[in-house]
Amino acid sequence: MKLLLILLTLLIGSTVYADDTIYTDSNSTITSDGSMDTTINSPPPSAISPQISASNSDLCTVGVAGAVQTQILGISAGRTVRDMNCEKLKNAKTMYDMGMKVAAVSVMCQDERVFDAMMNAGTPCPKDGLVGDQARLAWDMEAVKDEIERDQNNVINRMFDENSETKIGLGVIFSTLAFLLLL
């Protein structure tokens, strides 16, 4: 009986095996009509200005920085700028601390406001090693000398200001020379 069952299983299995071929035929056409949008989220461009810090320092400088950014190009720059008044004050203080009081006052007198204040107070700024009344006399003599030079220079200026014919003549001469130089 067992033998018959095995033979029957082999017969049925071989028959099914012989008819196991599958044929497929397909024709397909795909048509697509549409648009596609792409959104990219990215951080904006940035120009970061340099940080120039001069706090808690014994320097007479000030930091200046700036930046400009467009959609295409970004530029940043920075630099330090000397504070001349700060340097003058530090120099005067250092000289005073070293015992050079006249030199310290002389450094401060380079500022016109301090010079005028000293003259108005009756204590003129030192001049060429002179102090007190001798310094006042030296400053007054220099002021007279500067006024004489200014008056001598004004003679030439007045000559050009008063005589308009001279101005026209000089204008013609200079324009002719300039024209000849360009040829």
Protein backbone atom coordinates (compact mmCIF):
# COMPACT_ATOMS: atom_id res chain seq x y z
CA MET A 1 0.00 0.00 0.00
CA LYS A 2 2.78 2.32 0.76
CA LEU A 3 4.32 1.64 -2.52
CA LEU A 4 1.16 2.50 -4.36
CA LEU A 5 0.90 5.79 -2.57
CA ILE A 6 4.44 6.79 -3.44
CA LEU A 7 3.90 5.95 -7.10
CA LEU A 8 0.72 7.94 -7.21
CA THR A 9 2.48 11.00 -5.68
CA LEU A 10 5.32 10.83 -8.18
CA LEU A 11 2.90 10.57 -11.10
CA ILE A 12 0.86 13.57 -10.03
CA GLY A 13 3.99 15.60 -9.18
CA SER A 14 5.62 14.99 -12.55
CA THR A 15 2.46 15.90 -14.44
CA VAL A 16 2.15 19.27 -12.66
CA TYR A 17 5.82 19.94 -13.17
CA ALA A 18 5.56 19.55 -16.93
CA ASP A 19 2.79 22.21 -17.31
CA ASP A 20 4.44 24.98 -15.19
CA THR A 21 5.18 27.57 -17.97
CA ILE A 22 3.69 31.12 -17.64
CA TYR A 23 3.57 33.60 -20.51
CA THR A 24 3.09 37.37 -19.88
CA ASP A 25 2.66 40.08 -22.50
CA SER A 26 2.17 43.74 -21.51
CA ASN A 27 2.40 47.06 -23.29
CA SER A 28 2.18 50.20 -21.15
CA THR A 29 2.63 53.93 -21.72
CA ILE A 30 3.12 56.39 -18.86
CA THR A 31 2.48 60.12 -19.44
CA SER A 32 3.15 62.70 -16.74
CA ASP A 33 2.35 66.41 -16.92
CA GLY A 34 3.15 68.57 -13.88
CA SER A 35 5.65 70.82 -12.14
CA MET A 36 7.89 70.35 -9.16
CA ASP A 37 8.92 72.98 -6.59
CA THR A 38 11.92 72.50 -4.34
CA THR A 39 12.36 74.55 -1.18
CA ILE A 40 15.75 74.57 0.49
CA ASN A 41 15.90 76.00 3.97
CA SER A 42 19.42 77.22 4.68
CA PRO A 43 20.77 79.85 7.03
CA PRO A 44 21.13 83.37 5.58
CA PRO A 45 24.58 84.48 4.50
CA SER A 46 26.35 86.52 7.15
CA ALA A 47 29.37 88.80 7.27
CA ILE A 48 30.59 88.95 10.83
CA SER A 49 32.69 91.95 11.78
CA PRO A 50 35.82 91.32 13.80
CA GLN A 51 35.69 92.18 17.48
CA ILE A 52 38.43 94.56 18.48
CA SER A 53 38.44 94.98 22.22
CA ALA A 54 40.66 97.42 24.04
CA SER A 55 38.99 97.32 27.43
CA ASN A 56 41.12 97.02 30.54
CA SER A 57 44.24 97.81 28.58
CA ASP A 58 46.74 100.59 28.91
CA LEU A 59 46.60 101.37 25.21
CA CYS A 60 45.36 104.58 23.66
CA THR A 61 43.52 102.90 20.81
CA VAL A 62 39.90 102.52 19.85
CA GLY A 63 38.58 99.59 17.83
CA VAL A 64 36.42 100.26 14.79
CA ALA A 65 34.76 97.41 12.88
CA GLY A 66 31.95 96.95 10.40
CA ALA A 67 30.37 94.45 8.05
CA VAL A 68 28.11 94.51 5.00
CA GLN A 69 26.26 91.49 3.63
CA THR A 70 24.28 91.08 0.42
CA GLN A 71 22.77 87.93 -1.08
CA ILE A 72 25.96 87.33 -3.05
CA LEU A 73 28.89 88.94 -1.27
CA GLY A 74 29.79 89.70 2.34
CA ILE A 75 32.62 91.97 3.47
CA SER A 76 33.86 92.70 6.97
CA ALA A 77 36.76 94.82 8.17
CA GLY A 78 38.23 96.18 11.36
CA ARG A 79 41.10 98.31 12.54
CA THR A 80 42.35 100.28 15.49
CA VAL A 81 42.58 104.06 15.66
CA ARG A 82 45.07 105.92 17.84
CA ASP A 83 43.65 108.38 20.35
CA MET A 84 46.19 111.22 20.28
CA ASN A 85 44.66 113.07 23.24
CA CYS A 86 44.95 109.94 25.39
CA GLU A 87 48.61 109.60 24.40
CA LYS A 88 49.26 113.25 25.27
CA LEU A 89 47.68 112.80 28.71
CA LYS A 90 49.68 109.63 29.40
CA ASN A 91 52.93 111.32 28.30
CA ALA A 92 52.26 114.33 30.53
CA LYS A 93 51.41 112.11 33.51
CA THR A 94 54.53 109.99 33.00
CA MET A 95 56.75 113.09 32.83
CA TYR A 96 55.11 114.56 35.93
CA ASP A 97 55.60 111.27 37.81
CA MET A 98 59.29 111.36 36.83
CA GLY A 99 59.64 114.83 38.39
CA MET A 100 59.72 116.73 35.09
CA LYS A 101 56.87 119.11 35.90
CA VAL A 102 57.78 121.84 33.40
CA ALA A 103 58.02 119.27 30.60
CA ALA A 104 54.63 117.83 31.61
CA VAL A 105 53.04 121.29 31.45
CA SER A 106 54.73 121.88 28.10
CA VAL A 107 53.22 118.67 26.70
CA MET A 108 49.77 119.75 27.89
CA CYS A 109 50.27 123.23 26.37
CA GLN A 110 50.39 121.65 22.88
CA ASP A 111 46.60 121.70 23.09
CA GLU A 112 45.37 125.17 22.09
CA ARG A 113 42.64 125.13 24.74
CA VAL A 114 45.16 124.44 27.51
CA PHE A 115 47.49 127.10 26.10
CA ASP A 116 44.72 129.73 26.14
CA ALA A 117 43.63 128.70 29.64
CA MET A 118 47.20 129.01 30.95
CA MET A 119 47.62 132.47 29.38
CA ASN A 120 44.25 133.62 30.79
CA ALA A 121 45.23 132.36 34.25
CA GLY A 122 48.44 134.45 34.20
CA THR A 123 50.73 131.41 34.11
CA PRO A 124 52.00 131.18 30.53
CA CYS A 125 53.19 127.91 29.08
CA PRO A 126 56.95 127.30 29.10
CA LYS A 127 58.84 128.40 25.96
CA ASP A 128 62.39 127.34 25.13
CA GLY A 129 63.17 126.62 28.79
CA LEU A 130 61.72 129.92 29.98
CA VAL A 131 58.94 130.07 32.57
CA GLY A 132 56.80 132.80 34.12
CA ASP A 133 57.16 136.38 32.82
CA GLN A 134 60.11 135.47 30.58
CA ALA A 135 57.95 132.82 28.86
CA ARG A 136 55.12 135.38 28.43
CA LEU A 137 57.56 137.82 26.79
CA ALA A 138 58.89 135.08 24.46
CA TRP A 139 55.32 134.10 23.45
CA ASP A 140 54.42 137.77 22.81
CA MET A 141 57.54 138.24 20.64
CA GLU A 142 56.65 135.13 18.62
CA ALA A 143 53.11 136.41 18.13
CA VAL A 144 54.47 139.74 16.79
CA LYS A 145 56.87 137.89 14.48
CA ASP A 146 54.00 135.71 13.14
CA GLU A 147 51.89 138.84 12.54
CA ILE A 148 54.71 140.52 10.56
CA GLU A 149 55.10 137.39 8.38
CA ARG A 150 51.35 137.27 7.83
CA ASP A 151 51.32 140.95 6.78
CA GLN A 152 54.19 140.41 4.33
CA ASN A 153 52.37 137.48 2.76
CA ASN A 154 49.19 139.53 2.60
CA VAL A 155 50.90 142.11 0.32
CA ILE A 156 51.15 139.48 -2.42
CA ASN A 157 47.60 138.29 -1.74
CA ARG A 158 46.27 141.87 -1.80
CA MET A 159 47.99 142.49 -5.13
CA PHE A 160 46.08 139.59 -6.68
CA ASP A 161 42.83 140.53 -4.93
CA GLU A 162 42.84 144.23 -5.91
CA ASN A 163 43.88 143.94 -9.53
CA SER A 164 41.37 141.88 -11.51
CA GLU A 165 43.34 142.49 -14.73
CA THR A 166 46.26 140.64 -13.18
CA LYS A 167 44.00 137.71 -12.38
CA ILE A 168 42.70 137.57 -15.95
CA GLY A 169 46.23 137.85 -17.38
CA LEU A 170 47.55 135.08 -15.14
CA GLY A 171 44.53 132.92 -16.00
CA VAL A 172 45.24 133.32 -19.73
CA ILE A 173 48.94 132.53 -19.26
CA PHE A 174 48.30 129.44 -17.14
CA SER A 175 45.58 128.10 -19.44
CA THR A 176 47.85 128.61 -22.48
CA LEU A 177 50.67 126.73 -20.74
CA ALA A 178 48.29 123.93 -19.78
CA PHE A 179 47.04 123.70 -23.37
CA LEU A 180 50.61 123.52 -24.70
CA LEU A 181 51.48 120.80 -22.19
CA LEU A 182 48.51 118.70 -23.31
CA LEU A 183 49.62 118.82 -26.97
